[in-house]
Amino acid sequence: MIFGRSERGKPPVEPVTLKILVAGGFGVGKTTLVGAVSEIRPLRTEELLTEAGRPVDDTSGVEGKRTTTVAMDFGRITLREDLVLYLFGTPGQERFWFMWDELSEGALGAVVLADTRRLQDCFAAVDYFERRGIPFVVGVNCFEGAARYPAETVRQALDLDPGVPLLLTDARDRESVKEVLIGVVQHAMAFQAERREAVTT
């Protein structure tokens, strides 16, 4: 079936659209993740790194990085005929964090990408979503050459609440990223159900 059209004799399906944020530190793979899974050509707002930004852009661990997201990445993926996700990748550098409030408006949930070589770079994103009550999962992007740690070790290092899912992923691989996005949707739905139950009891 082609998206937006229905089988003969059946009314067209009006999909539910959900907004998911992809956050994390500079160079962690947010743009790569959105591009790997988006069924449309992703909108990217990348600019070349410059000498002027060198004092504020910490490229240690990602020395080969030549561009940076200055506004957002945007992509779309259809998980089912009736469920479409809009993906918004946030900028990683601190000087662009003011945009996070705009991007998080109306978001169902978020993926916080983490790199075990620079784990501290995702602390701000974890803190941001915790403080705002936005459900999120942590996706550990398994870079080639990076040390592999048990999920529980990473969880303890990030001081995550027990209910926050932590998943290993490869931001370049469509199927791996889809599993993370499904995890976000499931976690966010359970999170909302718990909130409703708490209000009614």
C-alpha atoms as a PDB file:
ATOM      1  CA  MET A   1       0.000   0.000   0.000  1.00  0.00           C
ATOM      2  CA  ILE A   2       1.224   3.492  -0.872  1.00  0.00           C
ATOM      3  CA  PHE A   3       1.209   5.910   2.045  1.00  0.00           C
ATOM      4  CA  GLY A   4      -1.766   8.276   1.883  1.00  0.00           C
ATOM      5  CA  ARG A   5      -3.806   6.018  -0.395  1.00  0.00           C
ATOM      6  CA  SER A   6      -6.081   3.139   0.499  1.00  0.00           C
ATOM      7  CA  GLU A   7      -6.915  -0.231  -0.965  1.00  0.00           C
ATOM      8  CA  ARG A   8      -9.860  -0.239  -3.361  1.00  0.00           C
ATOM      9  CA  GLY A   9     -13.143  -0.047  -1.492  1.00  0.00           C
ATOM     10  CA  LYS A  10     -11.584   1.013   1.814  1.00  0.00           C
ATOM     11  CA  PRO A  11     -11.657   4.567   3.154  1.00  0.00           C
ATOM     12  CA  PRO A  12      -8.234   6.242   3.384  1.00  0.00           C
ATOM     13  CA  VAL A  13      -6.473   5.820   6.710  1.00  0.00           C
ATOM     14  CA  GLU A  14      -5.817   9.068   8.550  1.00  0.00           C
ATOM     15  CA  PRO A  15      -2.557   8.365  10.385  1.00  0.00           C
ATOM     16  CA  VAL A  16      -1.780   9.530  13.882  1.00  0.00           C
ATOM     17  CA  THR A  17       1.293  11.784  13.770  1.00  0.00           C
ATOM     18  CA  LEU A  18       3.683  11.953  16.711  1.00  0.00           C
ATOM     19  CA  LYS A  19       6.633  14.254  17.346  1.00  0.00           C
ATOM     20  CA  ILE A  20       9.877  12.748  18.645  1.00  0.00           C
ATOM     21  CA  LEU A  21      13.010  14.697  19.553  1.00  0.00           C
ATOM     22  CA  VAL A  22      16.533  13.395  19.014  1.00  0.00           C
ATOM     23  CA  ALA A  23      18.949  15.074  21.421  1.00  0.00           C
ATOM     24  CA  GLY A  24      22.430  14.630  22.809  1.00  0.00           C
ATOM     25  CA  GLY A  25      25.880  16.128  22.722  1.00  0.00           C
ATOM     26  CA  PHE A  26      27.863  17.578  19.855  1.00  0.00           C
ATOM     27  CA  GLY A  27      28.913  14.942  17.289  1.00  0.00           C
ATOM     28  CA  VAL A  28      26.987  12.072  18.889  1.00  0.00           C
ATOM     29  CA  GLY A  29      25.145  11.069  15.691  1.00  0.00           C
ATOM     30  CA  LYS A  30      21.788  12.892  15.788  1.00  0.00           C
ATOM     31  CA  THR A  31      21.895  13.990  12.136  1.00  0.00           C
ATOM     32  CA  THR A  32      23.035  10.500  11.103  1.00  0.00           C
ATOM     33  CA  LEU A  33      20.171   8.872  13.025  1.00  0.00           C
ATOM     34  CA  VAL A  34      17.498  11.068  11.441  1.00  0.00           C
ATOM     35  CA  GLY A  35      18.979  10.520   7.982  1.00  0.00           C
ATOM     36  CA  ALA A  36      19.224   6.743   8.440  1.00  0.00           C
ATOM     37  CA  VAL A  37      15.542   6.269   9.134  1.00  0.00           C
ATOM     38  CA  SER A  38      13.725   9.135   7.390  1.00  0.00           C
ATOM     39  CA  GLU A  39      11.575   8.134   4.412  1.00  0.00           C
ATOM     40  CA  ILE A  40      11.843  11.662   3.031  1.00  0.00           C
ATOM     41  CA  ARG A  41      15.023  13.552   2.272  1.00  0.00           C
ATOM     42  CA  PRO A  42      15.833  15.006   5.701  1.00  0.00           C
ATOM     43  CA  LEU A  43      15.837  18.742   6.210  1.00  0.00           C
ATOM     44  CA  ARG A  44      19.242  19.640   7.608  1.00  0.00           C
ATOM     45  CA  THR A  45      20.608  22.922   8.895  1.00  0.00           C
ATOM     46  CA  GLU A  46      24.286  22.074   8.965  1.00  0.00           C
ATOM     47  CA  GLU A  47      27.057  24.613   8.636  1.00  0.00           C
ATOM     48  CA  LEU A  48      30.816  24.182   8.382  1.00  0.00           C
ATOM     49  CA  LEU A  49      32.750  24.432  11.621  1.00  0.00           C
ATOM     50  CA  THR A  50      34.883  27.581  11.660  1.00  0.00           C
ATOM     51  CA  GLU A  51      37.937  28.855  13.464  1.00  0.00           C
ATOM     52  CA  ALA A  52      35.677  31.317  15.304  1.00  0.00           C
ATOM     53  CA  GLY A  53      33.762  28.402  16.850  1.00  0.00           C
ATOM     54  CA  ARG A  54      36.867  26.461  17.869  1.00  0.00           C
ATOM     55  CA  PRO A  55      36.992  27.870  21.448  1.00  0.00           C
ATOM     56  CA  VAL A  56      33.375  26.798  22.135  1.00  0.00           C
ATOM     57  CA  ASP A  57      32.999  23.607  20.047  1.00  0.00           C
ATOM     58  CA  ASP A  58      34.780  20.743  21.798  1.00  0.00           C
ATOM     59  CA  THR A  59      35.762  18.378  18.996  1.00  0.00           C
ATOM     60  CA  SER A  60      37.866  16.045  21.143  1.00  0.00           C
ATOM     61  CA  GLY A  61      36.824  12.511  20.263  1.00  0.00           C
ATOM     62  CA  VAL A  62      35.210  13.688  16.995  1.00  0.00           C
ATOM     63  CA  GLU A  63      38.201  15.392  15.399  1.00  0.00           C
ATOM     64  CA  GLY A  64      37.034  14.471  11.892  1.00  0.00           C
ATOM     65  CA  LYS A  65      33.743  16.340  12.260  1.00  0.00           C
ATOM     66  CA  ARG A  66      33.514  19.240   9.788  1.00  0.00           C
ATOM     67  CA  THR A  67      29.897  20.420  10.133  1.00  0.00           C
ATOM     68  CA  THR A  68      27.436  21.182  12.921  1.00  0.00           C
ATOM     69  CA  THR A  69      23.662  21.487  13.195  1.00  0.00           C
ATOM     70  CA  VAL A  70      22.715  25.104  13.879  1.00  0.00           C
ATOM     71  CA  ALA A  71      18.911  24.805  14.038  1.00  0.00           C
ATOM     72  CA  MET A  72      17.479  21.305  13.652  1.00  0.00           C
ATOM     73  CA  ASP A  73      17.249  18.166  11.560  1.00  0.00           C
ATOM     74  CA  PHE A  74      13.809  17.033  10.404  1.00  0.00           C
ATOM     75  CA  GLY A  75      12.694  13.672   9.085  1.00  0.00           C
ATOM     76  CA  ARG A  76       9.644  11.424   8.895  1.00  0.00           C
ATOM     77  CA  ILE A  77       9.085   7.693   9.266  1.00  0.00           C
ATOM     78  CA  THR A  78       5.915   5.632   8.928  1.00  0.00           C
ATOM     79  CA  LEU A  79       5.993   2.887  11.561  1.00  0.00           C
ATOM     80  CA  ARG A  80       2.566   1.565  10.588  1.00  0.00           C
ATOM     81  CA  GLU A  81      -0.129   2.594   8.117  1.00  0.00           C
ATOM     82  CA  ASP A  82      -1.815   4.517  10.927  1.00  0.00           C
ATOM     83  CA  LEU A  83       1.272   5.809  12.785  1.00  0.00           C
ATOM     84  CA  VAL A  84       3.754   8.382  11.502  1.00  0.00           C
ATOM     85  CA  LEU A  85       6.651   9.860  13.472  1.00  0.00           C
ATOM     86  CA  TYR A  86       8.089  13.306  12.819  1.00  0.00           C
ATOM     87  CA  LEU A  87      11.690  13.460  13.984  1.00  0.00           C
ATOM     88  CA  PHE A  88      13.343  16.668  15.151  1.00  0.00           C
ATOM     89  CA  GLY A  89      17.080  16.542  15.800  1.00  0.00           C
ATOM     90  CA  THR A  90      18.208  19.225  18.235  1.00  0.00           C
ATOM     91  CA  PRO A  91      21.485  21.148  17.956  1.00  0.00           C
ATOM     92  CA  GLY A  92      24.158  19.802  20.282  1.00  0.00           C
ATOM     93  CA  GLN A  93      26.187  22.858  21.258  1.00  0.00           C
ATOM     94  CA  GLU A  94      25.306  24.821  24.365  1.00  0.00           C
ATOM     95  CA  ARG A  95      24.971  28.105  22.469  1.00  0.00           C
ATOM     96  CA  PHE A  96      21.991  26.673  20.529  1.00  0.00           C
ATOM     97  CA  TRP A  97      20.157  25.164  23.512  1.00  0.00           C
ATOM     98  CA  PHE A  98      17.677  28.057  23.566  1.00  0.00           C
ATOM     99  CA  MET A  99      16.000  26.325  20.601  1.00  0.00           C
ATOM    100  CA  TRP A 100      15.190  23.212  22.607  1.00  0.00           C
ATOM    101  CA  ASP A 101      12.130  24.783  24.250  1.00  0.00           C
ATOM    102  CA  GLU A 102      10.621  25.532  20.827  1.00  0.00           C
ATOM    103  CA  LEU A 103      11.425  22.115  19.436  1.00  0.00           C
ATOM    104  CA  SER A 104      10.099  20.236  22.481  1.00  0.00           C
ATOM    105  CA  GLU A 105       6.664  21.877  22.279  1.00  0.00           C
ATOM    106  CA  GLY A 106       4.119  19.099  21.692  1.00  0.00           C
ATOM    107  CA  ALA A 107       6.699  16.290  21.672  1.00  0.00           C
ATOM    108  CA  LEU A 108       5.508  12.833  22.704  1.00  0.00           C
ATOM    109  CA  GLY A 109       8.998  11.842  23.802  1.00  0.00           C
ATOM    110  CA  ALA A 110      12.690  11.932  23.017  1.00  0.00           C
ATOM    111  CA  VAL A 111      15.783   9.899  22.250  1.00  0.00           C
ATOM    112  CA  VAL A 112      18.929  10.988  24.077  1.00  0.00           C
ATOM    113  CA  LEU A 113      21.893   9.712  22.064  1.00  0.00           C
ATOM    114  CA  ALA A 114      24.994   8.898  24.079  1.00  0.00           C
ATOM    115  CA  ASP A 115      28.607   8.162  23.128  1.00  0.00           C
ATOM    116  CA  THR A 116      30.490   6.176  25.777  1.00  0.00           C
ATOM    117  CA  ARG A 117      33.693   8.056  24.847  1.00  0.00           C
ATOM    118  CA  ARG A 118      32.042  11.371  25.808  1.00  0.00           C
ATOM    119  CA  LEU A 119      29.250  10.289  28.127  1.00  0.00           C
ATOM    120  CA  GLN A 120      29.193  13.604  29.984  1.00  0.00           C
ATOM    121  CA  ASP A 121      28.014  15.329  26.779  1.00  0.00           C
ATOM    122  CA  CYS A 122      24.516  13.874  27.145  1.00  0.00           C
ATOM    123  CA  PHE A 123      24.045  14.886  30.812  1.00  0.00           C
ATOM    124  CA  ALA A 124      22.403  18.175  29.811  1.00  0.00           C
ATOM    125  CA  ALA A 125      19.850  16.428  27.575  1.00  0.00           C
ATOM    126  CA  VAL A 126      18.980  13.862  30.264  1.00  0.00           C
ATOM    127  CA  ASP A 127      18.540  16.676  32.793  1.00  0.00           C
ATOM    128  CA  TYR A 128      16.455  18.743  30.357  1.00  0.00           C
ATOM    129  CA  PHE A 129      13.867  16.008  29.734  1.00  0.00           C
ATOM    130  CA  GLU A 130      13.769  14.906  33.378  1.00  0.00           C
ATOM    131  CA  ARG A 131      13.046  18.451  34.571  1.00  0.00           C
ATOM    132  CA  ARG A 132      10.286  18.959  31.997  1.00  0.00           C
ATOM    133  CA  GLY A 133       8.627  15.588  32.522  1.00  0.00           C
ATOM    134  CA  ILE A 134       9.147  14.550  28.883  1.00  0.00           C
ATOM    135  CA  PRO A 135       9.537  10.768  28.587  1.00  0.00           C
ATOM    136  CA  PHE A 136      12.783   9.700  26.949  1.00  0.00           C
ATOM    137  CA  VAL A 137      14.961   6.708  26.214  1.00  0.00           C
ATOM    138  CA  VAL A 138      18.754   6.687  26.070  1.00  0.00           C
ATOM    139  CA  GLY A 139      20.253   5.253  22.894  1.00  0.00           C
ATOM    140  CA  VAL A 140      23.939   4.375  23.253  1.00  0.00           C
ATOM    141  CA  ASN A 141      25.403   4.915  19.786  1.00  0.00           C
ATOM    142  CA  CYS A 142      27.933   2.107  19.342  1.00  0.00           C
ATOM    143  CA  PHE A 143      30.775   3.823  17.498  1.00  0.00           C
ATOM    144  CA  GLU A 144      33.487   1.692  15.935  1.00  0.00           C
ATOM    145  CA  GLY A 145      36.510   1.582  18.203  1.00  0.00           C
ATOM    146  CA  ALA A 146      34.582   2.786  21.258  1.00  0.00           C
ATOM    147  CA  ALA A 147      34.703   0.653  24.394  1.00  0.00           C
ATOM    148  CA  ARG A 148      31.583  -1.449  24.949  1.00  0.00           C
ATOM    149  CA  TYR A 149      30.112  -1.384  28.443  1.00  0.00           C
ATOM    150  CA  PRO A 150      27.214  -3.343  29.947  1.00  0.00           C
ATOM    151  CA  ALA A 151      23.957  -1.391  29.793  1.00  0.00           C
ATOM    152  CA  GLU A 152      23.736  -1.346  33.597  1.00  0.00           C
ATOM    153  CA  THR A 153      27.177   0.280  33.845  1.00  0.00           C
ATOM    154  CA  VAL A 154      26.121   3.057  31.461  1.00  0.00           C
ATOM    155  CA  ARG A 155      22.828   3.444  33.329  1.00  0.00           C
ATOM    156  CA  GLN A 156      24.661   3.948  36.621  1.00  0.00           C
ATOM    157  CA  ALA A 157      27.107   6.426  35.050  1.00  0.00           C
ATOM    158  CA  LEU A 158      24.165   8.499  33.789  1.00  0.00           C
ATOM    159  CA  ASP A 159      22.279   8.095  37.100  1.00  0.00           C
ATOM    160  CA  LEU A 160      19.107   7.165  35.195  1.00  0.00           C
ATOM    161  CA  ASP A 161      15.818   6.430  36.910  1.00  0.00           C
ATOM    162  CA  PRO A 162      15.028   2.683  36.787  1.00  0.00           C
ATOM    163  CA  GLY A 163      12.068   3.283  34.462  1.00  0.00           C
ATOM    164  CA  VAL A 164      14.105   4.989  31.720  1.00  0.00           C
ATOM    165  CA  PRO A 165      14.887   2.502  28.927  1.00  0.00           C
ATOM    166  CA  LEU A 166      18.505   2.272  27.768  1.00  0.00           C
ATOM    167  CA  LEU A 167      19.136   0.699  24.360  1.00  0.00           C
ATOM    168  CA  LEU A 168      22.251  -0.023  22.319  1.00  0.00           C
ATOM    169  CA  THR A 169      21.985   1.249  18.749  1.00  0.00           C
ATOM    170  CA  ASP A 170      23.839   2.054  15.562  1.00  0.00           C
ATOM    171  CA  ALA A 171      22.690   5.466  14.314  1.00  0.00           C
ATOM    172  CA  ARG A 172      23.659   4.490  10.752  1.00  0.00           C
ATOM    173  CA  ASP A 173      21.410   1.421  10.654  1.00  0.00           C
ATOM    174  CA  ARG A 174      17.719   1.894   9.781  1.00  0.00           C
ATOM    175  CA  GLU A 175      16.456  -1.215  11.575  1.00  0.00           C
ATOM    176  CA  SER A 176      18.470  -0.453  14.702  1.00  0.00           C
ATOM    177  CA  VAL A 177      17.118   3.109  14.799  1.00  0.00           C
ATOM    178  CA  LYS A 178      13.541   1.882  14.240  1.00  0.00           C
ATOM    179  CA  GLU A 179      13.848  -0.285  17.359  1.00  0.00           C
ATOM    180  CA  VAL A 180      14.870   2.770  19.381  1.00  0.00           C
ATOM    181  CA  LEU A 181      11.960   4.832  18.021  1.00  0.00           C
ATOM    182  CA  ILE A 182       9.485   2.055  18.797  1.00  0.00           C
ATOM    183  CA  GLY A 183      10.980   1.989  22.299  1.00  0.00           C
ATOM    184  CA  VAL A 184      10.341   5.742  22.672  1.00  0.00           C
ATOM    185  CA  VAL A 185       6.702   5.417  21.594  1.00  0.00           C
ATOM    186  CA  GLN A 186       6.069   2.475  23.934  1.00  0.00           C
ATOM    187  CA  HIS A 187       7.777   4.186  26.866  1.00  0.00           C
ATOM    188  CA  ALA A 188       5.930   7.474  26.256  1.00  0.00           C
ATOM    189  CA  MET A 189       2.542   5.728  26.066  1.00  0.00           C
ATOM    190  CA  ALA A 190       3.232   3.862  29.324  1.00  0.00           C
ATOM    191  CA  PHE A 191       4.426   7.133  30.897  1.00  0.00           C
ATOM    192  CA  GLN A 192       1.208   8.927  29.900  1.00  0.00           C
ATOM    193  CA  ALA A 193      -0.941   6.026  31.139  1.00  0.00           C
ATOM    194  CA  GLU A 194       0.790   6.160  34.540  1.00  0.00           C
ATOM    195  CA  ARG A 195       0.170   9.898  34.748  1.00  0.00           C
ATOM    196  CA  ARG A 196      -3.540   9.472  33.959  1.00  0.00           C
ATOM    197  CA  GLU A 197      -3.837   6.732  36.565  1.00  0.00           C
ATOM    198  CA  ALA A 198      -2.116   8.920  39.172  1.00  0.00           C
ATOM    199  CA  VAL A 199      -4.574  11.759  38.482  1.00  0.00           C
ATOM    200  CA  THR A 200      -7.660   9.546  38.793  1.00  0.00           C
ATOM    201  CA  THR A 201      -6.578   7.781  42.026  1.00  0.00           C
END
